[in-house]
C-alpha atoms as a PDB file:
ATOM      1  CA  MET A   1      24.686  -5.290 -12.619  1.00  0.00           C
ATOM      2  CA  SER A   2      21.184  -4.038 -12.495  1.00  0.00           C
ATOM      3  CA  GLN A   3      20.555  -0.408 -11.554  1.00  0.00           C
ATOM      4  CA  PRO A   4      18.454   0.457  -8.521  1.00  0.00           C
ATOM      5  CA  PRO A   5      15.032   1.829  -9.363  1.00  0.00           C
ATOM      6  CA  VAL A   6      14.741   5.627  -9.460  1.00  0.00           C
ATOM      7  CA  PHE A   7      12.203   6.865  -6.985  1.00  0.00           C
ATOM      8  CA  ARG A   8      11.497  10.560  -7.369  1.00  0.00           C
ATOM      9  CA  SER A   9       7.725  10.450  -7.097  1.00  0.00           C
ATOM     10  CA  ARG A  10       5.194   7.992  -5.768  1.00  0.00           C
ATOM     11  CA  PRO A  11       5.204   4.865  -7.949  1.00  0.00           C
ATOM     12  CA  GLN A  12       2.279   4.715 -10.333  1.00  0.00           C
ATOM     13  CA  PRO A  13       0.807   1.664 -12.114  1.00  0.00           C
ATOM     14  CA  LYS A  14       1.692   1.033 -15.723  1.00  0.00           C
ATOM     15  CA  LYS A  15      -1.989   0.843 -16.525  1.00  0.00           C
ATOM     16  CA  SER A  16      -5.067   2.222 -14.851  1.00  0.00           C
ATOM     17  CA  GLY A  17      -7.823   0.059 -13.474  1.00  0.00           C
ATOM     18  CA  PHE A  18      -9.477  -1.506 -10.539  1.00  0.00           C
ATOM     19  CA  PRO A  19      -6.992  -4.145  -9.306  1.00  0.00           C
ATOM     20  CA  TRP A  20      -4.039  -1.855  -8.700  1.00  0.00           C
ATOM     21  CA  LEU A  21      -6.205   0.516  -6.681  1.00  0.00           C
ATOM     22  CA  LEU A  22      -7.396  -2.208  -4.369  1.00  0.00           C
ATOM     23  CA  VAL A  23      -3.968  -3.393  -3.310  1.00  0.00           C
ATOM     24  CA  GLY A  24      -1.106  -1.617  -4.996  1.00  0.00           C
ATOM     25  CA  CYS A  25      -1.941   1.797  -3.600  1.00  0.00           C
ATOM     26  CA  LEU A  26      -1.137   0.578  -0.089  1.00  0.00           C
ATOM     27  CA  GLY A  27       2.452  -0.128  -1.119  1.00  0.00           C
ATOM     28  CA  ALA A  28       2.651   3.090  -3.153  1.00  0.00           C
ATOM     29  CA  ILE A  29       1.426   5.228  -0.280  1.00  0.00           C
ATOM     30  CA  ALA A  30       3.974   3.624   2.071  1.00  0.00           C
ATOM     31  CA  VAL A  31       6.751   4.302  -0.461  1.00  0.00           C
ATOM     32  CA  GLY A  32       5.431   7.831  -0.902  1.00  0.00           C
ATOM     33  CA  VAL A  33       5.909   8.523   2.806  1.00  0.00           C
ATOM     34  CA  PHE A  34       9.543   7.424   2.636  1.00  0.00           C
ATOM     35  CA  LEU A  35      10.083   9.508  -0.466  1.00  0.00           C
ATOM     36  CA  LEU A  36       9.121  12.504   1.637  1.00  0.00           C
ATOM     37  CA  ILE A  37      11.614  11.364   4.243  1.00  0.00           C
ATOM     38  CA  ALA A  38      14.311  11.013   1.534  1.00  0.00           C
ATOM     39  CA  ALA A  39      13.593  14.506   0.314  1.00  0.00           C
ATOM     40  CA  PHE A  40      13.764  15.730   3.898  1.00  0.00           C
ATOM     41  CA  ILE A  41      17.195  14.170   4.360  1.00  0.00           C
ATOM     42  CA  ALA A  42      18.469  15.414   1.006  1.00  0.00           C
ATOM     43  CA  ALA A  43      17.294  18.972   1.680  1.00  0.00           C
ATOM     44  CA  ARG A  44      19.239  18.997   4.973  1.00  0.00           C
ATOM     45  CA  MET A  45      22.468  17.248   3.907  1.00  0.00           C
ATOM     46  CA  VAL A  46      24.391  20.324   5.040  1.00  0.00           C
ATOM     47  CA  VAL A  47      23.347  19.569   8.596  1.00  0.00           C
ATOM     48  CA  GLY A  48      26.197  17.560  10.114  1.00  0.00           C
ATOM     49  CA  GLY A  49      25.361  13.905  10.817  1.00  0.00           C
ATOM     50  CA  LEU A  50      21.791  13.975   9.482  1.00  0.00           C
ATOM     51  CA  VAL A  51      22.534  11.646   6.559  1.00  0.00           C
ATOM     52  CA  ASP A  52      24.294   9.128   8.808  1.00  0.00           C
ATOM     53  CA  GLU A  53      21.572   9.392  11.424  1.00  0.00           C
ATOM     54  CA  TYR A  54      18.576   8.741   9.130  1.00  0.00           C
ATOM     55  CA  SER A  55      20.052   6.557   6.419  1.00  0.00           C
ATOM     56  CA  ASP A  56      22.089   3.342   6.228  1.00  0.00           C
ATOM     57  CA  GLU A  57      24.837   1.887   4.077  1.00  0.00           C
ATOM     58  CA  THR A  58      22.870  -1.313   3.470  1.00  0.00           C
ATOM     59  CA  PRO A  59      19.227  -1.946   2.584  1.00  0.00           C
ATOM     60  CA  GLN A  60      16.860  -3.385   5.178  1.00  0.00           C
ATOM     61  CA  GLU A  61      15.806  -6.931   4.436  1.00  0.00           C
ATOM     62  CA  ILE A  62      12.264  -6.948   3.028  1.00  0.00           C
ATOM     63  CA  PRO A  63      10.230 -10.123   3.602  1.00  0.00           C
ATOM     64  CA  VAL A  64       9.334 -11.963   0.409  1.00  0.00           C
ATOM     65  CA  SER A  65       6.014 -13.632  -0.208  1.00  0.00           C
ATOM     66  CA  THR A  66       6.358 -17.423   0.097  1.00  0.00           C
ATOM     67  CA  MET A  67       2.799 -18.191  -1.001  1.00  0.00           C
ATOM     68  CA  ALA A  68       2.715 -21.473  -2.926  1.00  0.00           C
ATOM     69  CA  PRO A  69       1.942 -21.151  -6.656  1.00  0.00           C
ATOM     70  CA  GLU A  70      -1.346 -23.070  -6.331  1.00  0.00           C
ATOM     71  CA  ASP A  71      -2.438 -20.823  -3.462  1.00  0.00           C
ATOM     72  CA  TYR A  72      -1.585 -17.699  -5.403  1.00  0.00           C
ATOM     73  CA  ALA A  73      -3.513 -19.028  -8.414  1.00  0.00           C
ATOM     74  CA  ALA A  74      -6.558 -19.503  -6.197  1.00  0.00           C
ATOM     75  CA  LEU A  75      -6.106 -16.028  -4.703  1.00  0.00           C
ATOM     76  CA  LYS A  76      -5.775 -14.424  -8.114  1.00  0.00           C
ATOM     77  CA  GLU A  77      -8.849 -16.244  -9.345  1.00  0.00           C
ATOM     78  CA  ARG A  78     -10.845 -14.999  -6.352  1.00  0.00           C
ATOM     79  CA  PHE A  79      -9.491 -11.495  -6.719  1.00  0.00           C
ATOM     80  CA  ASP A  80     -10.225 -11.339 -10.443  1.00  0.00           C
ATOM     81  CA  ALA A  81     -13.761 -12.743  -9.990  1.00  0.00           C
ATOM     82  CA  PHE A  82     -14.474 -10.084  -7.363  1.00  0.00           C
ATOM     83  CA  THR A  83     -13.057  -7.410  -9.669  1.00  0.00           C
ATOM     84  CA  GLN A  84     -15.318  -8.543 -12.548  1.00  0.00           C
ATOM     85  CA  ALA A  85     -18.417  -8.608 -10.339  1.00  0.00           C
ATOM     86  CA  VAL A  86     -17.792  -5.122  -8.954  1.00  0.00           C
ATOM     87  CA  ASN A  87     -17.101  -3.640 -12.427  1.00  0.00           C
ATOM     88  CA  GLN A  88     -20.295  -5.227 -13.784  1.00  0.00           C
ATOM     89  CA  GLY A  89     -22.410  -4.212 -10.785  1.00  0.00           C
ATOM     90  CA  THR A  90     -23.141  -7.859  -9.940  1.00  0.00           C
ATOM     91  CA  PRO A  91     -23.930  -8.556  -6.261  1.00  0.00           C
ATOM     92  CA  VAL A  92     -20.898 -10.152  -4.618  1.00  0.00           C
ATOM     93  CA  ALA A  93     -19.750 -10.828  -1.078  1.00  0.00           C
ATOM     94  CA  PRO A  94     -17.132  -8.432   0.370  1.00  0.00           C
ATOM     95  CA  LEU A  95     -13.497  -9.257  -0.489  1.00  0.00           C
ATOM     96  CA  GLU A  96     -11.246  -9.978   2.448  1.00  0.00           C
ATOM     97  CA  LEU A  97      -7.475 -10.074   2.142  1.00  0.00           C
ATOM     98  CA  THR A  98      -4.829 -11.051   4.685  1.00  0.00           C
ATOM     99  CA  SER A  99      -1.302  -9.668   4.903  1.00  0.00           C
ATOM    100  CA  ASP A 100      -0.077 -12.702   2.930  1.00  0.00           C
ATOM    101  CA  ASP A 101      -2.674 -12.020   0.224  1.00  0.00           C
ATOM    102  CA  VAL A 102      -1.716  -8.374  -0.132  1.00  0.00           C
ATOM    103  CA  ASN A 103       2.007  -9.049  -0.336  1.00  0.00           C
ATOM    104  CA  ALA A 104       1.565 -11.878  -2.824  1.00  0.00           C
ATOM    105  CA  LEU A 105      -0.537  -9.656  -5.103  1.00  0.00           C
ATOM    106  CA  ILE A 106       1.943  -6.745  -4.947  1.00  0.00           C
ATOM    107  CA  GLN A 107       4.898  -9.052  -5.532  1.00  0.00           C
ATOM    108  CA  ASN A 108       3.378 -10.864  -8.480  1.00  0.00           C
ATOM    109  CA  ASP A 109       1.551  -8.002 -10.248  1.00  0.00           C
ATOM    110  CA  PRO A 110       3.807  -6.704 -13.065  1.00  0.00           C
ATOM    111  CA  ASN A 111       2.179  -3.265 -12.694  1.00  0.00           C
ATOM    112  CA  TRP A 112       3.916  -2.957  -9.337  1.00  0.00           C
ATOM    113  CA  SER A 113       7.361  -4.419 -10.204  1.00  0.00           C
ATOM    114  CA  ASP A 114       9.017  -1.227  -8.969  1.00  0.00           C
ATOM    115  CA  LEU A 115       7.761  -1.991  -5.440  1.00  0.00           C
ATOM    116  CA  LYS A 116       9.001  -5.575  -5.356  1.00  0.00           C
ATOM    117  CA  GLY A 117      11.754  -5.936  -2.801  1.00  0.00           C
ATOM    118  CA  HIS A 118      11.215  -2.426  -1.424  1.00  0.00           C
ATOM    119  CA  VAL A 119       7.957  -2.676   0.589  1.00  0.00           C
ATOM    120  CA  HIS A 120       6.190  -5.214   2.706  1.00  0.00           C
ATOM    121  CA  VAL A 121       2.684  -4.762   4.136  1.00  0.00           C
ATOM    122  CA  ALA A 122       1.502  -6.136   7.479  1.00  0.00           C
ATOM    123  CA  LEU A 123      -2.153  -5.772   8.548  1.00  0.00           C
ATOM    124  CA  GLU A 124      -2.182  -5.299  12.313  1.00  0.00           C
ATOM    125  CA  ASP A 125      -5.526  -5.084  14.164  1.00  0.00           C
ATOM    126  CA  ASP A 126      -7.144  -2.046  12.470  1.00  0.00           C
ATOM    127  CA  LEU A 127      -3.944  -0.583  10.951  1.00  0.00           C
ATOM    128  CA  VAL A 128      -1.754  -1.142   7.923  1.00  0.00           C
ATOM    129  CA  GLY A 129       1.912  -1.601   8.822  1.00  0.00           C
ATOM    130  CA  SER A 130       4.677  -1.307   6.272  1.00  0.00           C
ATOM    131  CA  THR A 131       8.413  -2.006   6.090  1.00  0.00           C
ATOM    132  CA  VAL A 132      10.202  -0.009   3.415  1.00  0.00           C
ATOM    133  CA  SER A 133      13.762   0.091   2.115  1.00  0.00           C
ATOM    134  CA  MET A 134      14.742   2.467  -0.709  1.00  0.00           C
ATOM    135  CA  PRO A 135      18.018   3.550  -2.337  1.00  0.00           C
ATOM    136  CA  LEU A 136      18.833   7.260  -2.126  1.00  0.00           C
ATOM    137  CA  GLU A 137      20.958   7.366  -5.241  1.00  0.00           C
ATOM    138  CA  SER A 138      18.424   9.548  -7.096  1.00  0.00           C
ATOM    139  CA  PHE A 139      18.498  12.022  -4.186  1.00  0.00           C
ATOM    140  CA  GLY A 140      22.255  12.556  -4.488  1.00  0.00           C
ATOM    141  CA  MET A 141      23.223  10.005  -1.870  1.00  0.00           C
ATOM    142  CA  PRO A 142      24.695   7.015  -3.681  1.00  0.00           C
ATOM    143  CA  GLY A 143      25.318   4.011  -1.491  1.00  0.00           C
ATOM    144  CA  ARG A 144      22.838   5.094   1.128  1.00  0.00           C
ATOM    145  CA  TYR A 145      19.368   3.696   1.921  1.00  0.00           C
ATOM    146  CA  VAL A 146      16.399   4.893   3.867  1.00  0.00           C
ATOM    147  CA  ASN A 147      15.033   1.980   5.896  1.00  0.00           C
ATOM    148  CA  GLY A 148      11.984   2.302   8.083  1.00  0.00           C
ATOM    149  CA  ASN A 149       8.624   1.198   9.375  1.00  0.00           C
ATOM    150  CA  ALA A 150       5.288   2.983   9.403  1.00  0.00           C
ATOM    151  CA  ARG A 151       1.733   2.298  10.464  1.00  0.00           C
ATOM    152  CA  PHE A 152      -1.345   3.800   8.866  1.00  0.00           C
ATOM    153  CA  SER A 153      -5.075   3.961   9.344  1.00  0.00           C
ATOM    154  CA  VAL A 154      -6.881   3.255   6.046  1.00  0.00           C
ATOM    155  CA  PHE A 155     -10.596   3.591   5.357  1.00  0.00           C
ATOM    156  CA  LEU A 156     -13.079   4.632   2.696  1.00  0.00           C
ATOM    157  CA  ARG A 157     -16.142   6.723   3.521  1.00  0.00           C
ATOM    158  CA  GLY A 158     -18.478   8.627   1.273  1.00  0.00           C
ATOM    159  CA  GLY A 159     -16.366   7.814  -1.783  1.00  0.00           C
ATOM    160  CA  GLN A 160     -13.218   9.347  -0.229  1.00  0.00           C
ATOM    161  CA  LEU A 161     -10.139   7.286   0.664  1.00  0.00           C
ATOM    162  CA  TYR A 162      -8.451   8.327   3.951  1.00  0.00           C
ATOM    163  CA  VAL A 163      -4.919   7.278   4.874  1.00  0.00           C
ATOM    164  CA  HIS A 164      -3.323   8.798   7.984  1.00  0.00           C
ATOM    165  CA  ILE A 165       0.031   7.965   9.480  1.00  0.00           C
ATOM    166  CA  GLU A 166      -0.083   6.659  13.074  1.00  0.00           C
ATOM    167  CA  SER A 167       3.591   5.939  13.764  1.00  0.00           C
ATOM    168  CA  LEU A 168       6.871   6.267  11.885  1.00  0.00           C
ATOM    169  CA  GLU A 169      10.463   5.103  12.451  1.00  0.00           C
ATOM    170  CA  VAL A 170      13.503   5.453  10.207  1.00  0.00           C
ATOM    171  CA  GLY A 171      16.443   3.189  11.000  1.00  0.00           C
ATOM    172  CA  GLY A 172      14.935   2.582  14.439  1.00  0.00           C
ATOM    173  CA  LYS A 173      15.014   6.319  15.156  1.00  0.00           C
ATOM    174  CA  ALA A 174      12.215   8.836  15.532  1.00  0.00           C
ATOM    175  CA  LEU A 175      12.151  11.761  13.110  1.00  0.00           C
ATOM    176  CA  PRO A 176      11.838  15.319  14.366  1.00  0.00           C
ATOM    177  CA  GLU A 177       8.367  15.729  15.856  1.00  0.00           C
ATOM    178  CA  ALA A 178       7.604  18.826  13.765  1.00  0.00           C
ATOM    179  CA  PHE A 179       8.149  16.807  10.568  1.00  0.00           C
ATOM    180  CA  VAL A 180       6.054  13.848  11.741  1.00  0.00           C
ATOM    181  CA  GLN A 181       3.269  16.048  13.086  1.00  0.00           C
ATOM    182  CA  GLY A 182       2.976  17.712   9.686  1.00  0.00           C
ATOM    183  CA  MET A 183       2.590  14.298   8.044  1.00  0.00           C
ATOM    184  CA  ARG A 184      -0.008  13.177  10.612  1.00  0.00           C
ATOM    185  CA  SER A 185      -2.269  16.049   9.685  1.00  0.00           C
ATOM    186  CA  GLU A 186      -2.251  15.124   5.994  1.00  0.00           C
ATOM    187  CA  ASN A 187      -4.553  12.653   4.202  1.00  0.00           C
ATOM    188  CA  LEU A 188      -1.892  10.708   2.339  1.00  0.00           C
ATOM    189  CA  ALA A 189      -4.470   9.507  -0.199  1.00  0.00           C
ATOM    190  CA  LYS A 190      -5.593  12.992  -1.245  1.00  0.00           C
ATOM    191  CA  GLU A 191      -3.950  12.783  -4.661  1.00  0.00           C
ATOM    192  CA  TYR A 192      -5.925   9.593  -5.343  1.00  0.00           C
ATOM    193  CA  ASN A 193      -9.134  11.348  -4.350  1.00  0.00           C
ATOM    194  CA  ASN A 194      -8.368  14.088  -6.842  1.00  0.00           C
ATOM    195  CA  ASP A 195      -7.876  11.634  -9.708  1.00  0.00           C
ATOM    196  CA  ALA A 196     -11.008  11.140 -11.895  1.00  0.00           C
ATOM    197  CA  GLN A 197     -10.174   7.512 -12.751  1.00  0.00           C
ATOM    198  CA  VAL A 198      -9.597   6.665  -9.082  1.00  0.00           C
ATOM    199  CA  GLN A 199     -12.791   8.404  -8.082  1.00  0.00           C
ATOM    200  CA  GLU A 200     -14.722   6.315 -10.617  1.00  0.00           C
ATOM    201  CA  THR A 201     -13.360   3.183  -9.008  1.00  0.00           C
ATOM    202  CA  LEU A 202     -13.884   4.361  -5.421  1.00  0.00           C
ATOM    203  CA  SER A 203     -17.508   5.142  -6.212  1.00  0.00           C
ATOM    204  CA  LYS A 204     -18.112   1.405  -6.625  1.00  0.00           C
ATOM    205  CA  PHE A 205     -17.483   0.768  -2.915  1.00  0.00           C
ATOM    206  CA  GLU A 206     -19.527   1.353   0.177  1.00  0.00           C
ATOM    207  CA  SER A 207     -16.522   0.992   2.464  1.00  0.00           C
ATOM    208  CA  ILE A 208     -12.911  -0.139   2.799  1.00  0.00           C
ATOM    209  CA  ASP A 209     -11.550  -0.967   6.271  1.00  0.00           C
ATOM    210  CA  VAL A 210      -8.894  -2.930   8.113  1.00  0.00           C
ATOM    211  CA  VAL A 211     -10.566  -4.976  10.806  1.00  0.00           C
ATOM    212  CA  ASP A 212      -8.837  -7.620  12.999  1.00  0.00           C
ATOM    213  CA  GLY A 213      -5.887  -7.773  10.597  1.00  0.00           C
ATOM    214  CA  VAL A 214      -8.004  -8.205   7.478  1.00  0.00           C
ATOM    215  CA  LEU A 215      -8.394  -5.700   4.641  1.00  0.00           C
ATOM    216  CA  ARG A 216     -12.109  -5.679   3.765  1.00  0.00           C
ATOM    217  CA  PHE A 217     -13.680  -4.200   0.628  1.00  0.00           C
ATOM    218  CA  VAL A 218     -17.476  -3.829   0.647  1.00  0.00           C
ATOM    219  CA  PRO A 219     -18.900  -3.007  -2.785  1.00  0.00           C
ATOM    220  CA  ASN A 220     -22.081  -1.007  -3.263  1.00  0.00           C
ATOM    221  CA  HIS A 221     -23.777  -4.175  -4.566  1.00  0.00           C
ATOM    222  CA  ALA A 222     -22.699  -6.383  -1.695  1.00  0.00           C
ATOM    223  CA  LEU A 223     -24.635  -9.567  -0.998  1.00  0.00           C
ATOM    224  CA  GLN A 224     -26.514  -9.369   2.260  1.00  0.00           C
ATOM    225  CA  PRO A 225     -25.485 -11.926   4.919  1.00  0.00           C
ATOM    226  CA  GLU A 226     -28.676 -13.937   4.563  1.00  0.00           C
ATOM    227  CA  ALA A 227     -28.084 -14.198   0.814  1.00  0.00           C
ATOM    228  CA  GLU A 228     -24.451 -15.212   1.096  1.00  0.00           C
ATOM    229  CA  ALA A 229     -25.319 -18.608   2.593  1.00  0.00           C
ATOM    230  CA  GLY A 230     -27.196 -19.695  -0.488  1.00  0.00           C
ATOM    231  CA  GLN A 231     -25.791 -17.572  -3.285  1.00  0.00           C
ATOM    232  CA  VAL A 232     -22.249 -16.290  -3.264  1.00  0.00           C
ATOM    233  CA  THR A 233     -20.740 -14.961  -6.470  1.00  0.00           C
ATOM    234  CA  GLU A 234     -17.643 -16.865  -7.459  1.00  0.00           C
ATOM    235  CA  GLY A 235     -14.532 -15.126  -6.149  1.00  0.00           C
ATOM    236  CA  ALA A 236     -16.092 -13.799  -2.963  1.00  0.00           C
ATOM    237  CA  ALA A 237     -14.167 -14.243   0.221  1.00  0.00           C
ATOM    238  CA  PRO A 238     -15.139 -17.270   2.296  1.00  0.00           C
END
């Protein structure tokens, strides 16, 4: 029987680079929030009923990407072409990704195998929603899981990535307000902003936003709308 993954810190990619930052960090940040919750539960195990109240005996079902292989191949080709253009400083149209795109990339990228089956991303209006289920074995609670849902605002401005929690539920229950309020005041992407490699990548973008349920990446060398009609670099979003 395979062992559950050990989550003691926010999952990190097995290699650095542009693609994981674009997509994988969304899943990693969501998991990071629930790691904090797991630590919160573990630190207060002496409080009667807290473990039962905020954890479950079974994992929450995580939706699995059902994108057809040919559709994923086209997505990966578009994603890789955009990546290459941005890294080379070649003008390219902004990249737009739907919820299905994000989940397919996370699920199929070997750099994020630890997240597979534990997190699902849903882009909702101008927010990033996530469903997370994680084993608590490494926190001294074998046979227990933290299952929950969270919504975040995500945007890039001035080379800084901002991720702020908007709502949070664990097992359908609200956490103590003092705990949630402390998380709301934090930029959950601050450790990425302090990483030199990440900063090098972020500097290639003018903005990152979620708009109308679409995750949109605008590079510094974005094609202007009038140019897109006649000359769109391969891989740009339609």
